[in-house]
Amino acid sequence: MAEKSCTVRTRKFMTNRLLSRRQFITDVIHPGRANVSKAELQERLAKMYDVKDEKCVFVFGLRTQFGGGKSTGFGLIYDNLEAAKKFEPKYRLIRNGLAEAVEKSRKQRKERKNRTKKLRGTKKNK
């Protein structure tokens, strides 16, 4: 199957100096395709805005319009990786491959939480 083209447009573009990033809403027009992958969007946005490192581009919150053919989402381009690691939530860093996911089970986390609940308010043993 041949790759069908898509058009990427940004709107409400603003530079956020406090968080050292550029943020915008991205509109993707993709007729004949179900949707466009985040990796492809990252690549396109990096090329559009002359970003050195593609990992500094974060795309999330993509919603496809009813009937298909158009998607809207949110995009962030950080000035450098340090700023991205400092300000981005951990789950988005994991999605972008900048952090490792915790390999603990849900049951272990719950058991630990309940053990700490029992200790709360008691004197420390030395």
PDB file of N, CA and C in Angstrom:
ATOM      1  N   MET A   1       0.837  -1.184   0.000  1.00  0.00           N
ATOM      2  CA  MET A   1       0.000   0.000   0.000  1.00  0.00           C
ATOM      3  C   MET A   1       0.882   1.248   0.000  1.00  0.00           C
ATOM      4  N   ALA A   2       0.631   2.162  -0.878  1.00  0.00           N
ATOM      5  CA  ALA A   2       1.426   3.382  -0.981  1.00  0.00           C
ATOM      6  C   ALA A   2       1.055   4.352   0.142  1.00  0.00           C
ATOM      7  N   GLU A   3       2.065   5.087   0.607  1.00  0.00           N
ATOM      8  CA  GLU A   3       1.837   6.085   1.655  1.00  0.00           C
ATOM      9  C   GLU A   3       1.054   7.250   1.073  1.00  0.00           C
ATOM     10  N   LYS A   4      -0.085   7.558   1.651  1.00  0.00           N
ATOM     11  CA  LYS A   4      -0.864   8.704   1.209  1.00  0.00           C
ATOM     12  C   LYS A   4      -0.378   9.928   1.974  1.00  0.00           C
ATOM     13  N   SER A   5      -0.417  11.074   1.316  1.00  0.00           N
ATOM     14  CA  SER A   5       0.137  12.283   1.920  1.00  0.00           C
ATOM     15  C   SER A   5      -0.789  12.855   2.985  1.00  0.00           C
ATOM     16  N   CYS A   6      -0.196  13.698   3.812  1.00  0.00           N
ATOM     17  CA  CYS A   6      -0.976  14.417   4.812  1.00  0.00           C
ATOM     18  C   CYS A   6      -0.405  15.823   4.933  1.00  0.00           C
ATOM     19  N   THR A   7      -1.259  16.747   5.345  1.00  0.00           N
ATOM     20  CA  THR A   7      -0.862  18.141   5.517  1.00  0.00           C
ATOM     21  C   THR A   7      -0.866  18.464   7.003  1.00  0.00           C
ATOM     22  N   VAL A   8       0.220  19.084   7.480  1.00  0.00           N
ATOM     23  CA  VAL A   8       0.318  19.457   8.892  1.00  0.00           C
ATOM     24  C   VAL A   8       0.337  20.975   8.979  1.00  0.00           C
ATOM     25  N   ARG A   9      -0.595  21.520   9.756  1.00  0.00           N
ATOM     26  CA  ARG A   9      -0.653  22.960   9.988  1.00  0.00           C
ATOM     27  C   ARG A   9      -0.656  23.212  11.484  1.00  0.00           C
ATOM     28  N   THR A  10      -0.072  24.336  11.891  1.00  0.00           N
ATOM     29  CA  THR A  10      -0.091  24.687  13.313  1.00  0.00           C
ATOM     30  C   THR A  10      -0.834  26.007  13.481  1.00  0.00           C
ATOM     31  N   ARG A  11      -1.476  26.140  14.636  1.00  0.00           N
ATOM     32  CA  ARG A  11      -2.155  27.395  14.972  1.00  0.00           C
ATOM     33  C   ARG A  11      -1.996  27.638  16.466  1.00  0.00           C
ATOM     34  N   LYS A  12      -2.327  28.842  16.895  1.00  0.00           N
ATOM     35  CA  LYS A  12      -2.159  29.275  18.290  1.00  0.00           C
ATOM     36  C   LYS A  12      -0.722  29.024  18.752  1.00  0.00           C
ATOM     37  N   PHE A  13       0.227  29.320  17.876  1.00  0.00           N
ATOM     38  CA  PHE A  13       1.643  29.111  18.170  1.00  0.00           C
ATOM     39  C   PHE A  13       2.109  30.161  19.160  1.00  0.00           C
ATOM     40  N   MET A  14       2.783  29.720  20.224  1.00  0.00           N
ATOM     41  CA  MET A  14       3.341  30.678  21.182  1.00  0.00           C
ATOM     42  C   MET A  14       4.660  30.174  21.738  1.00  0.00           C
ATOM     43  N   THR A  15       5.524  31.109  22.074  1.00  0.00           N
ATOM     44  CA  THR A  15       6.811  30.772  22.679  1.00  0.00           C
ATOM     45  C   THR A  15       6.673  30.947  24.180  1.00  0.00           C
ATOM     46  N   ASN A  16       6.961  29.892  24.918  1.00  0.00           N
ATOM     47  CA  ASN A  16       6.870  29.915  26.373  1.00  0.00           C
ATOM     48  C   ASN A  16       8.295  29.909  26.918  1.00  0.00           C
ATOM     49  N   ARG A  17       8.804  31.083  27.247  1.00  0.00           N
ATOM     50  CA  ARG A  17      10.202  31.198  27.698  1.00  0.00           C
ATOM     51  C   ARG A  17      10.411  30.617  29.091  1.00  0.00           C
ATOM     52  N   LEU A  18       9.393  30.657  29.932  1.00  0.00           N
ATOM     53  CA  LEU A  18       9.527  30.113  31.291  1.00  0.00           C
ATOM     54  C   LEU A  18       9.791  28.615  31.264  1.00  0.00           C
ATOM     55  N   LEU A  19       9.135  27.917  30.356  1.00  0.00           N
ATOM     56  CA  LEU A  19       9.324  26.471  30.236  1.00  0.00           C
ATOM     57  C   LEU A  19      10.263  26.122  29.085  1.00  0.00           C
ATOM     58  N   SER A  20      10.875  27.140  28.495  1.00  0.00           N
ATOM     59  CA  SER A  20      11.818  27.020  27.370  1.00  0.00           C
ATOM     60  C   SER A  20      11.308  26.066  26.288  1.00  0.00           C
ATOM     61  N   ARG A  21      10.129  26.425  25.771  1.00  0.00           N
ATOM     62  CA  ARG A  21       9.532  25.609  24.723  1.00  0.00           C
ATOM     63  C   ARG A  21       8.641  26.459  23.831  1.00  0.00           C
ATOM     64  N   ARG A  22       8.287  25.880  22.687  1.00  0.00           N
ATOM     65  CA  ARG A  22       7.285  26.457  21.797  1.00  0.00           C
ATOM     66  C   ARG A  22       6.088  25.523  21.841  1.00  0.00           C
ATOM     67  N   GLN A  23       4.906  26.084  21.929  1.00  0.00           N
ATOM     68  CA  GLN A  23       3.709  25.245  22.040  1.00  0.00           C
ATOM     69  C   GLN A  23       2.661  25.705  21.039  1.00  0.00           C
ATOM     70  N   PHE A  24       1.869  24.750  20.562  1.00  0.00           N
ATOM     71  CA  PHE A  24       0.921  25.044  19.493  1.00  0.00           C
ATOM     72  C   PHE A  24      -0.115  23.942  19.397  1.00  0.00           C
ATOM     73  N   ILE A  25      -1.171  24.250  18.673  1.00  0.00           N
ATOM     74  CA  ILE A  25      -2.180  23.257  18.311  1.00  0.00           C
ATOM     75  C   ILE A  25      -1.866  22.836  16.889  1.00  0.00           C
ATOM     76  N   THR A  26      -1.883  21.552  16.642  1.00  0.00           N
ATOM     77  CA  THR A  26      -1.560  21.058  15.312  1.00  0.00           C
ATOM     78  C   THR A  26      -2.805  20.458  14.662  1.00  0.00           C
ATOM     79  N   ASP A  27      -3.038  20.840  13.413  1.00  0.00           N
ATOM     80  CA  ASP A  27      -4.138  20.295  12.613  1.00  0.00           C
ATOM     81  C   ASP A  27      -3.529  19.450  11.512  1.00  0.00           C
ATOM     82  N   VAL A  28      -3.962  18.196  11.416  1.00  0.00           N
ATOM     83  CA  VAL A  28      -3.447  17.283  10.406  1.00  0.00           C
ATOM     84  C   VAL A  28      -4.601  16.920   9.482  1.00  0.00           C
ATOM     85  N   ILE A  29      -4.409  17.165   8.202  1.00  0.00           N
ATOM     86  CA  ILE A  29      -5.422  16.795   7.207  1.00  0.00           C
ATOM     87  C   ILE A  29      -4.889  15.572   6.479  1.00  0.00           C
ATOM     88  N   HIS A  30      -5.608  14.452   6.610  1.00  0.00           N
ATOM     89  CA  HIS A  30      -5.138  13.183   6.045  1.00  0.00           C
ATOM     90  C   HIS A  30      -6.278  12.444   5.338  1.00  0.00           C
ATOM     91  N   PRO A  31      -6.693  12.932   4.160  1.00  0.00           N
ATOM     92  CA  PRO A  31      -7.778  12.248   3.449  1.00  0.00           C
ATOM     93  C   PRO A  31      -7.339  10.873   2.958  1.00  0.00           C
ATOM     94  N   GLY A  32      -8.209   9.901   3.114  1.00  0.00           N
ATOM     95  CA  GLY A  32      -7.904   8.545   2.656  1.00  0.00           C
ATOM     96  C   GLY A  32      -7.082   7.734   3.630  1.00  0.00           C
ATOM     97  N   ARG A  33      -6.730   8.317   4.768  1.00  0.00           N
ATOM     98  CA  ARG A  33      -5.977   7.592   5.797  1.00  0.00           C
ATOM     99  C   ARG A  33      -6.770   7.602   7.095  1.00  0.00           C
ATOM    100  N   ALA A  34      -6.630   6.547   7.858  1.00  0.00           N
ATOM    101  CA  ALA A  34      -7.342   6.492   9.145  1.00  0.00           C
ATOM    102  C   ALA A  34      -6.776   7.534  10.099  1.00  0.00           C
ATOM    103  N   ASN A  35      -5.451   7.550  10.245  1.00  0.00           N
ATOM    104  CA  ASN A  35      -4.799   8.556  11.077  1.00  0.00           C
ATOM    105  C   ASN A  35      -3.315   8.617  10.711  1.00  0.00           C
ATOM    106  N   VAL A  36      -2.594   9.505  11.366  1.00  0.00           N
ATOM    107  CA  VAL A  36      -1.165   9.673  11.116  1.00  0.00           C
ATOM    108  C   VAL A  36      -0.429   9.359  12.406  1.00  0.00           C
ATOM    109  N   SER A  37       0.676   8.625  12.319  1.00  0.00           N
ATOM    110  CA  SER A  37       1.400   8.232  13.524  1.00  0.00           C
ATOM    111  C   SER A  37       2.096   9.435  14.154  1.00  0.00           C
ATOM    112  N   LYS A  38       2.265   9.373  15.464  1.00  0.00           N
ATOM    113  CA  LYS A  38       2.935  10.449  16.190  1.00  0.00           C
ATOM    114  C   LYS A  38       4.382  10.580  15.739  1.00  0.00           C
ATOM    115  N   ALA A  39       5.010   9.451  15.411  1.00  0.00           N
ATOM    116  CA  ALA A  39       6.400   9.477  14.957  1.00  0.00           C
ATOM    117  C   ALA A  39       6.520  10.275  13.658  1.00  0.00           C
ATOM    118  N   GLU A  40       5.572  10.057  12.747  1.00  0.00           N
ATOM    119  CA  GLU A  40       5.590  10.796  11.486  1.00  0.00           C
ATOM    120  C   GLU A  40       5.352  12.281  11.724  1.00  0.00           C
ATOM    121  N   LEU A  41       4.442  12.599  12.647  1.00  0.00           N
ATOM    122  CA  LEU A  41       4.177  14.002  12.966  1.00  0.00           C
ATOM    123  C   LEU A  41       5.399  14.658  13.602  1.00  0.00           C
ATOM    124  N   GLN A  42       6.068  13.924  14.493  1.00  0.00           N
ATOM    125  CA  GLN A  42       7.296  14.442  15.119  1.00  0.00           C
ATOM    126  C   GLN A  42       8.316  14.801  14.048  1.00  0.00           C
ATOM    127  N   GLU A  43       8.480  13.892  13.108  1.00  0.00           N
ATOM    128  CA  GLU A  43       9.439  14.082  12.023  1.00  0.00           C
ATOM    129  C   GLU A  43       9.083  15.318  11.192  1.00  0.00           C
ATOM    130  N   ARG A  44       7.804  15.442  10.826  1.00  0.00           N
ATOM    131  CA  ARG A  44       7.352  16.580  10.016  1.00  0.00           C
ATOM    132  C   ARG A  44       7.539  17.906  10.755  1.00  0.00           C
ATOM    133  N   LEU A  45       7.154  17.931  12.056  1.00  0.00           N
ATOM    134  CA  LEU A  45       7.254  19.170  12.830  1.00  0.00           C
ATOM    135  C   LEU A  45       8.718  19.561  13.043  1.00  0.00           C
ATOM    136  N   ALA A  46       9.584  18.565  13.249  1.00  0.00           N
ATOM    137  CA  ALA A  46      11.009  18.841  13.424  1.00  0.00           C
ATOM    138  C   ALA A  46      11.578  19.481  12.158  1.00  0.00           C
ATOM    139  N   LYS A  47      11.127  19.003  11.002  1.00  0.00           N
ATOM    140  CA  LYS A  47      11.592  19.560   9.732  1.00  0.00           C
ATOM    141  C   LYS A  47      11.029  20.969   9.529  1.00  0.00           C
ATOM    142  N   MET A  48       9.744  21.156   9.905  1.00  0.00           N
ATOM    143  CA  MET A  48       9.090  22.463   9.735  1.00  0.00           C
ATOM    144  C   MET A  48       9.765  23.559  10.555  1.00  0.00           C
ATOM    145  N   TYR A  49      10.143  23.231  11.796  1.00  0.00           N
ATOM    146  CA  TYR A  49      10.660  24.238  12.726  1.00  0.00           C
ATOM    147  C   TYR A  49      12.163  24.129  12.950  1.00  0.00           C
ATOM    148  N   ASP A  50      12.876  23.416  12.078  1.00  0.00           N
ATOM    149  CA  ASP A  50      14.340  23.298  12.128  1.00  0.00           C
ATOM    150  C   ASP A  50      14.845  22.887  13.515  1.00  0.00           C
ATOM    151  N   VAL A  51      14.318  21.783  14.013  1.00  0.00           N
ATOM    152  CA  VAL A  51      14.733  21.262  15.309  1.00  0.00           C
ATOM    153  C   VAL A  51      15.898  20.300  15.096  1.00  0.00           C
ATOM    154  N   LYS A  52      16.957  20.476  15.898  1.00  0.00           N
ATOM    155  CA  LYS A  52      18.135  19.613  15.751  1.00  0.00           C
ATOM    156  C   LYS A  52      17.838  18.180  16.188  1.00  0.00           C
ATOM    157  N   ASP A  53      17.265  18.044  17.391  1.00  0.00           N
ATOM    158  CA  ASP A  53      16.980  16.717  17.942  1.00  0.00           C
ATOM    159  C   ASP A  53      15.477  16.450  17.883  1.00  0.00           C
ATOM    160  N   GLU A  54      15.100  15.376  17.187  1.00  0.00           N
ATOM    161  CA  GLU A  54      13.684  15.041  17.023  1.00  0.00           C
ATOM    162  C   GLU A  54      13.015  14.671  18.346  1.00  0.00           C
ATOM    163  N   LYS A  55      13.807  14.253  19.328  1.00  0.00           N
ATOM    164  CA  LYS A  55      13.243  13.843  20.625  1.00  0.00           C
ATOM    165  C   LYS A  55      12.735  15.031  21.440  1.00  0.00           C
ATOM    166  N   CYS A  56      13.060  16.246  21.023  1.00  0.00           N
ATOM    167  CA  CYS A  56      12.576  17.448  21.710  1.00  0.00           C
ATOM    168  C   CYS A  56      11.147  17.803  21.292  1.00  0.00           C
ATOM    169  N   VAL A  57      10.617  17.095  20.307  1.00  0.00           N
ATOM    170  CA  VAL A  57       9.255  17.366  19.813  1.00  0.00           C
ATOM    171  C   VAL A  57       8.299  16.374  20.475  1.00  0.00           C
ATOM    172  N   PHE A  58       7.262  16.903  21.113  1.00  0.00           N
ATOM    173  CA  PHE A  58       6.256  16.072  21.774  1.00  0.00           C
ATOM    174  C   PHE A  58       4.900  16.358  21.137  1.00  0.00           C
ATOM    175  N   VAL A  59       4.220  15.298  20.708  1.00  0.00           N
ATOM    176  CA  VAL A  59       2.878  15.425  20.126  1.00  0.00           C
ATOM    177  C   VAL A  59       1.948  14.544  20.957  1.00  0.00           C
ATOM    178  N   PHE A  60       0.820  15.108  21.371  1.00  0.00           N
ATOM    179  CA  PHE A  60      -0.113  14.331  22.185  1.00  0.00           C
ATOM    180  C   PHE A  60      -1.524  14.893  22.045  1.00  0.00           C
ATOM    181  N   GLY A  61      -2.485  14.161  22.556  1.00  0.00           N
ATOM    182  CA  GLY A  61      -3.873  14.614  22.561  1.00  0.00           C
ATOM    183  C   GLY A  61      -4.511  14.660  21.188  1.00  0.00           C
ATOM    184  N   LEU A  62      -4.110  13.767  20.304  1.00  0.00           N
ATOM    185  CA  LEU A  62      -4.656  13.776  18.945  1.00  0.00           C
ATOM    186  C   LEU A  62      -6.064  13.183  18.943  1.00  0.00           C
ATOM    187  N   ARG A  63      -6.986  13.917  18.331  1.00  0.00           N
ATOM    188  CA  ARG A  63      -8.369  13.463  18.207  1.00  0.00           C
ATOM    189  C   ARG A  63      -8.747  13.532  16.735  1.00  0.00           C
ATOM    190  N   THR A  64      -9.271  12.434  16.219  1.00  0.00           N
ATOM    191  CA  THR A  64      -9.706  12.414  14.824  1.00  0.00           C
ATOM    192  C   THR A  64     -11.148  12.909  14.749  1.00  0.00           C
ATOM    193  N   GLN A  65     -11.403  13.800  13.803  1.00  0.00           N
ATOM    194  CA  GLN A  65     -12.743  14.345  13.634  1.00  0.00           C
ATOM    195  C   GLN A  65     -13.703  13.265  13.145  1.00  0.00           C
ATOM    196  N   PHE A  66     -14.958  13.396  13.496  1.00  0.00           N
ATOM    197  CA  PHE A  66     -15.956  12.434  13.048  1.00  0.00           C
ATOM    198  C   PHE A  66     -16.008  12.444  11.523  1.00  0.00           C
ATOM    199  N   GLY A  67     -15.966  11.275  10.929  1.00  0.00           N
ATOM    200  CA  GLY A  67     -15.938  11.175   9.477  1.00  0.00           C
ATOM    201  C   GLY A  67     -14.528  10.994   8.950  1.00  0.00           C
ATOM    202  N   GLY A  68     -13.531  11.243   9.793  1.00  0.00           N
ATOM    203  CA  GLY A  68     -12.130  11.041   9.412  1.00  0.00           C
ATOM    204  C   GLY A  68     -11.600  12.147   8.528  1.00  0.00           C
ATOM    205  N   GLY A  69     -10.352  12.015   8.181  1.00  0.00           N
ATOM    206  CA  GLY A  69      -9.733  12.970   7.269  1.00  0.00           C
ATOM    207  C   GLY A  69      -9.069  14.152   7.933  1.00  0.00           C
ATOM    208  N   LYS A  70      -9.373  14.399   9.214  1.00  0.00           N
ATOM    209  CA  LYS A  70      -8.761  15.530   9.904  1.00  0.00           C
ATOM    210  C   LYS A  70      -8.570  15.176  11.375  1.00  0.00           C
ATOM    211  N   SER A  71      -7.394  15.488  11.907  1.00  0.00           N
ATOM    212  CA  SER A  71      -7.102  15.274  13.318  1.00  0.00           C
ATOM    213  C   SER A  71      -6.542  16.553  13.911  1.00  0.00           C
ATOM    214  N   THR A  72      -6.788  16.735  15.191  1.00  0.00           N
ATOM    215  CA  THR A  72      -6.297  17.903  15.905  1.00  0.00           C
ATOM    216  C   THR A  72      -5.628  17.436  17.182  1.00  0.00           C
ATOM    217  N   GLY A  73      -4.498  18.044  17.496  1.00  0.00           N
ATOM    218  CA  GLY A  73      -3.790  17.683  18.722  1.00  0.00           C
ATOM    219  C   GLY A  73      -2.937  18.836  19.206  1.00  0.00           C
ATOM    220  N   PHE A  74      -2.087  18.523  20.188  1.00  0.00           N
ATOM    221  CA  PHE A  74      -1.252  19.530  20.815  1.00  0.00           C
ATOM    222  C   PHE A  74       0.200  19.172  20.593  1.00  0.00           C
ATOM    223  N   GLY A  75       1.041  20.177  20.398  1.00  0.00           N
ATOM    224  CA  GLY A  75       2.456  19.917  20.171  1.00  0.00           C
ATOM    225  C   GLY A  75       3.334  20.839  20.988  1.00  0.00           C
ATOM    226  N   LEU A  76       4.483  20.304  21.417  1.00  0.00           N
ATOM    227  CA  LEU A  76       5.478  21.076  22.157  1.00  0.00           C
ATOM    228  C   LEU A  76       6.839  20.833  21.536  1.00  0.00           C
ATOM    229  N   ILE A  77       7.619  21.880  21.396  1.00  0.00           N
ATOM    230  CA  ILE A  77       8.999  21.739  20.950  1.00  0.00           C
ATOM    231  C   ILE A  77       9.882  22.399  22.006  1.00  0.00           C
ATOM    232  N   TYR A  78      10.669  21.585  22.698  1.00  0.00           N
ATOM    233  CA  TYR A  78      11.569  22.102  23.733  1.00  0.00           C
ATOM    234  C   TYR A  78      12.868  22.575  23.113  1.00  0.00           C
ATOM    235  N   ASP A  79      13.497  23.572  23.757  1.00  0.00           N
ATOM    236  CA  ASP A  79      14.754  24.115  23.249  1.00  0.00           C
ATOM    237  C   ASP A  79      15.880  23.094  23.345  1.00  0.00           C
ATOM    238  N   ASN A  80      15.862  22.271  24.409  1.00  0.00           N
ATOM    239  CA  ASN A  80      16.877  21.224  24.564  1.00  0.00           C
ATOM    240  C   ASN A  80      16.302  20.069  25.366  1.00  0.00           C
ATOM    241  N   LEU A  81      17.039  18.955  25.408  1.00  0.00           N
ATOM    242  CA  LEU A  81      16.556  17.750  26.095  1.00  0.00           C
ATOM    243  C   LEU A  81      16.462  17.947  27.601  1.00  0.00           C
ATOM    244  N   GLU A  82      17.371  18.750  28.180  1.00  0.00           N
ATOM    245  CA  GLU A  82      17.351  18.978  29.637  1.00  0.00           C
ATOM    246  C   GLU A  82      16.036  19.636  30.060  1.00  0.00           C
ATOM    247  N   ALA A  83      15.594  20.623  29.279  1.00  0.00           N
ATOM    248  CA  ALA A  83      14.326  21.303  29.582  1.00  0.00           C
ATOM    249  C   ALA A  83      13.162  20.333  29.452  1.00  0.00           C
ATOM    250  N   ALA A  84      13.213  19.480  28.432  1.00  0.00           N
ATOM    251  CA  ALA A  84      12.132  18.501  28.239  1.00  0.00           C
ATOM    252  C   ALA A  84      12.063  17.555  29.427  1.00  0.00           C
ATOM    253  N   LYS A  85      13.216  17.058  29.867  1.00  0.00           N
ATOM    254  CA  LYS A  85      13.240  16.128  31.004  1.00  0.00           C
ATOM    255  C   LYS A  85      12.813  16.802  32.290  1.00  0.00           C
ATOM    256  N   LYS A  86      13.050  18.103  32.397  1.00  0.00           N
ATOM    257  CA  LYS A  86      12.706  18.832  33.619  1.00  0.00           C
ATOM    258  C   LYS A  86      11.200  19.102  33.720  1.00  0.00           C
ATOM    259  N   PHE A  87      10.573  19.470  32.587  1.00  0.00           N
ATOM    260  CA  PHE A  87       9.193  19.954  32.639  1.00  0.00           C
ATOM    261  C   PHE A  87       8.136  18.961  32.176  1.00  0.00           C
ATOM    262  N   GLU A  88       8.489  18.009  31.345  1.00  0.00           N
ATOM    263  CA  GLU A  88       7.488  17.068  30.827  1.00  0.00           C
ATOM    264  C   GLU A  88       7.103  16.048  31.892  1.00  0.00           C
ATOM    265  N   PRO A  89       5.832  15.618  31.923  1.00  0.00           N
ATOM    266  CA  PRO A  89       5.438  14.557  32.844  1.00  0.00           C
ATOM    267  C   PRO A  89       6.115  13.239  32.463  1.00  0.00           C
ATOM    268  N   LYS A  90       6.307  12.393  33.450  1.00  0.00           N
ATOM    269  CA  LYS A  90       7.087  11.171  33.261  1.00  0.00           C
ATOM    270  C   LYS A  90       6.491  10.261  32.188  1.00  0.00           C
ATOM    271  N   TYR A  91       5.164  10.173  32.140  1.00  0.00           N
ATOM    272  CA  TYR A  91       4.543   9.257  31.171  1.00  0.00           C
ATOM    273  C   TYR A  91       4.817   9.681  29.734  1.00  0.00           C
ATOM    274  N   ARG A  92       4.891  10.999  29.490  1.00  0.00           N
ATOM    275  CA  ARG A  92       5.198  11.452  28.129  1.00  0.00           C
ATOM    276  C   ARG A  92       6.659  11.243  27.788  1.00  0.00           C
ATOM    277  N   LEU A  93       7.542  11.347  28.801  1.00  0.00           N
ATOM    278  CA  LEU A  93       8.959  11.043  28.571  1.00  0.00           C
ATOM    279  C   LEU A  93       9.125   9.571  28.209  1.00  0.00           C
ATOM    280  N   ILE A  94       8.372   8.699  28.884  1.00  0.00           N
ATOM    281  CA  ILE A  94       8.433   7.263  28.599  1.00  0.00           C
ATOM    282  C   ILE A  94       7.940   6.998  27.178  1.00  0.00           C
ATOM    283  N   ARG A  95       6.855   7.654  26.773  1.00  0.00           N
ATOM    284  CA  ARG A  95       6.322   7.490  25.415  1.00  0.00           C
ATOM    285  C   ARG A  95       7.331   7.921  24.356  1.00  0.00           C
ATOM    286  N   ASN A  96       8.085   8.986  24.654  1.00  0.00           N
ATOM    287  CA  ASN A  96       9.057   9.512  23.695  1.00  0.00           C
ATOM    288  C   ASN A  96      10.399   8.797  23.761  1.00  0.00           C
ATOM    289  N   GLY A  97      10.543   7.869  24.692  1.00  0.00           N
ATOM    290  CA  GLY A  97      11.781   7.108  24.799  1.00  0.00           C
ATOM    291  C   GLY A  97      12.882   7.837  25.540  1.00  0.00           C
ATOM    292  N   LEU A  98      12.529   8.825  26.376  1.00  0.00           N
ATOM    293  CA  LEU A  98      13.539   9.559  27.145  1.00  0.00           C
ATOM    294  C   LEU A  98      13.662   9.055  28.573  1.00  0.00           C
ATOM    295  N   ALA A  99      12.760   8.169  29.005  1.00  0.00           N
ATOM    296  CA  ALA A  99      12.814   7.611  30.359  1.00  0.00           C
ATOM    297  C   ALA A  99      12.378   6.156  30.308  1.00  0.00           C
ATOM    298  N   GLU A 100      12.743   5.418  31.339  1.00  0.00           N
ATOM    299  CA  GLU A 100      12.387   4.001  31.427  1.00  0.00           C
ATOM    300  C   GLU A 100      11.153   3.828  32.301  1.00  0.00           C
ATOM    301  N   ALA A 101      10.274   2.928  31.902  1.00  0.00           N
ATOM    302  CA  ALA A 101       9.070   2.638  32.681  1.00  0.00           C
ATOM    303  C   ALA A 101       9.438   1.792  33.897  1.00  0.00           C
ATOM    304  N   VAL A 102       8.727   2.007  35.000  1.00  0.00           N
ATOM    305  CA  VAL A 102       8.953   1.234  36.218  1.00  0.00           C
ATOM    306  C   VAL A 102       8.361  -0.158  36.019  1.00  0.00           C
ATOM    307  N   GLU A 103       9.138  -1.187  36.290  1.00  0.00           N
ATOM    308  CA  GLU A 103       8.706  -2.568  36.037  1.00  0.00           C
ATOM    309  C   GLU A 103       8.164  -3.245  37.294  1.00  0.00           C
ATOM    310  N   LYS A 104       7.468  -2.499  38.148  1.00  0.00           N
ATOM    311  CA  LYS A 104       6.855  -3.100  39.337  1.00  0.00           C
ATOM    312  C   LYS A 104       5.398  -3.404  39.035  1.00  0.00           C
ATOM    313  N   SER A 105       4.899  -4.435  39.691  1.00  0.00           N
ATOM    314  CA  SER A 105       3.503  -4.783  39.446  1.00  0.00           C
ATOM    315  C   SER A 105       2.582  -3.890  40.276  1.00  0.00           C
ATOM    316  N   ARG A 106       1.361  -3.838  39.866  1.00  0.00           N
ATOM    317  CA  ARG A 106       0.347  -3.032  40.552  1.00  0.00           C
ATOM    318  C   ARG A 106       0.146  -3.532  41.973  1.00  0.00           C
ATOM    319  N   LYS A 107       0.173  -4.864  42.126  1.00  0.00           N
ATOM    320  CA  LYS A 107      -0.048  -5.463  43.440  1.00  0.00           C
ATOM    321  C   LYS A 107       1.059  -5.050  44.418  1.00  0.00           C
ATOM    322  N   GLN A 108       2.317  -5.036  43.938  1.00  0.00           N
ATOM    323  CA  GLN A 108       3.429  -4.624  44.795  1.00  0.00           C
ATOM    324  C   GLN A 108       3.255  -3.184  45.269  1.00  0.00           C
ATOM    325  N   ARG A 109       2.844  -2.305  44.362  1.00  0.00           N
ATOM    326  CA  ARG A 109       2.658  -0.897  44.735  1.00  0.00           C
ATOM    327  C   ARG A 109       1.559  -0.760  45.781  1.00  0.00           C
ATOM    328  N   LYS A 110       0.463  -1.496  45.596  1.00  0.00           N
ATOM    329  CA  LYS A 110      -0.654  -1.414  46.536  1.00  0.00           C
ATOM    330  C   LYS A 110      -0.262  -1.955  47.905  1.00  0.00           C
ATOM    331  N   GLU A 111       0.476  -3.075  47.925  1.00  0.00           N
ATOM    332  CA  GLU A 111       0.895  -3.649  49.205  1.00  0.00           C
ATOM    333  C   GLU A 111       1.806  -2.694  49.956  1.00  0.00           C
ATOM    334  N   ARG A 112       2.722  -2.059  49.230  1.00  0.00           N
ATOM    335  CA  ARG A 112       3.631  -1.106  49.861  1.00  0.00           C
ATOM    336  C   ARG A 112       2.850   0.080  50.430  1.00  0.00           C
ATOM    337  N   LYS A 113       1.874   0.578  49.671  1.00  0.00           N
ATOM    338  CA  LYS A 113       1.053   1.703  50.126  1.00  0.00           C
ATOM    339  C   LYS A 113       0.329   1.336  51.422  1.00  0.00           C
ATOM    340  N   ASN A 114      -0.231   0.124  51.474  1.00  0.00           N
ATOM    341  CA  ASN A 114      -0.980  -0.293  52.667  1.00  0.00           C
ATOM    342  C   ASN A 114      -0.067  -0.515  53.860  1.00  0.00           C
ATOM    343  N   ARG A 115       1.164  -0.974  53.624  1.00  0.00           N
ATOM    344  CA  ARG A 115       2.120  -1.118  54.734  1.00  0.00           C
ATOM    345  C   ARG A 115       2.485   0.241  55.315  1.00  0.00           C
ATOM    346  N   THR A 116       2.668   1.241  54.450  1.00  0.00           N
ATOM    347  CA  THR A 116       3.004   2.578  54.952  1.00  0.00           C
ATOM    348  C   THR A 116       1.827   3.213  55.681  1.00  0.00           C
ATOM    349  N   LYS A 117       0.590   2.845  55.302  1.00  0.00           N
ATOM    350  CA  LYS A 117      -0.584   3.366  56.003  1.00  0.00           C
ATOM    351  C   LYS A 117      -0.604   2.899  57.451  1.00  0.00           C
ATOM    352  N   LYS A 118      -0.178   1.645  57.679  1.00  0.00           N
ATOM    353  CA  LYS A 118      -0.166   1.103  59.042  1.00  0.00           C
ATOM    354  C   LYS A 118       0.864   1.814  59.908  1.00  0.00           C
ATOM    355  N   LEU A 119       1.980   2.225  59.284  1.00  0.00           N
ATOM    356  CA  LEU A 119       3.055   2.864  60.048  1.00  0.00           C
ATOM    357  C   LEU A 119       2.807   4.342  60.326  1.00  0.00           C
ATOM    358  N   ARG A 120       1.936   4.950  59.586  1.00  0.00           N
ATOM    359  CA  ARG A 120       1.699   6.388  59.716  1.00  0.00           C
ATOM    360  C   ARG A 120       1.176   6.725  61.119  1.00  0.00           C
ATOM    361  N   GLY A 121       1.829   7.714  61.748  1.00  0.00           N
ATOM    362  CA  GLY A 121       1.387   8.152  63.065  1.00  0.00           C
ATOM    363  C   GLY A 121       2.028   7.386  64.214  1.00  0.00           C
ATOM    364  N   THR A 122       2.886   6.422  63.933  1.00  0.00           N
ATOM    365  CA  THR A 122       3.568   5.685  65.005  1.00  0.00           C
ATOM    366  C   THR A 122       5.001   6.177  65.140  1.00  0.00           C
ATOM    367  N   LYS A 123       5.588   5.906  66.320  1.00  0.00           N
ATOM    368  CA  LYS A 123       6.941   6.352  66.594  1.00  0.00           C
ATOM    369  C   LYS A 123       7.936   5.492  65.817  1.00  0.00           C
ATOM    370  N   LYS A 124       9.024   6.130  65.338  1.00  0.00           N
ATOM    371  CA  LYS A 124      10.043   5.401  64.594  1.00  0.00           C
ATOM    372  C   LYS A 124      10.844   4.513  65.523  1.00  0.00           C
ATOM    373  N   ASN A 125      11.119   3.287  65.084  1.00  0.00           N
ATOM    374  CA  ASN A 125      11.982   2.378  65.850  1.00  0.00           C
ATOM    375  C   ASN A 125      13.427   2.581  65.403  1.00  0.00           C
ATOM    376  N   LYS A 126      14.334   2.672  66.391  1.00  0.00           N
ATOM    377  CA  LYS A 126      15.747   2.873  66.024  1.00  0.00           C
ATOM    378  C   LYS A 126      16.555   1.638  66.149  1.00  0.00           C
TER     379      LYS A 126
END
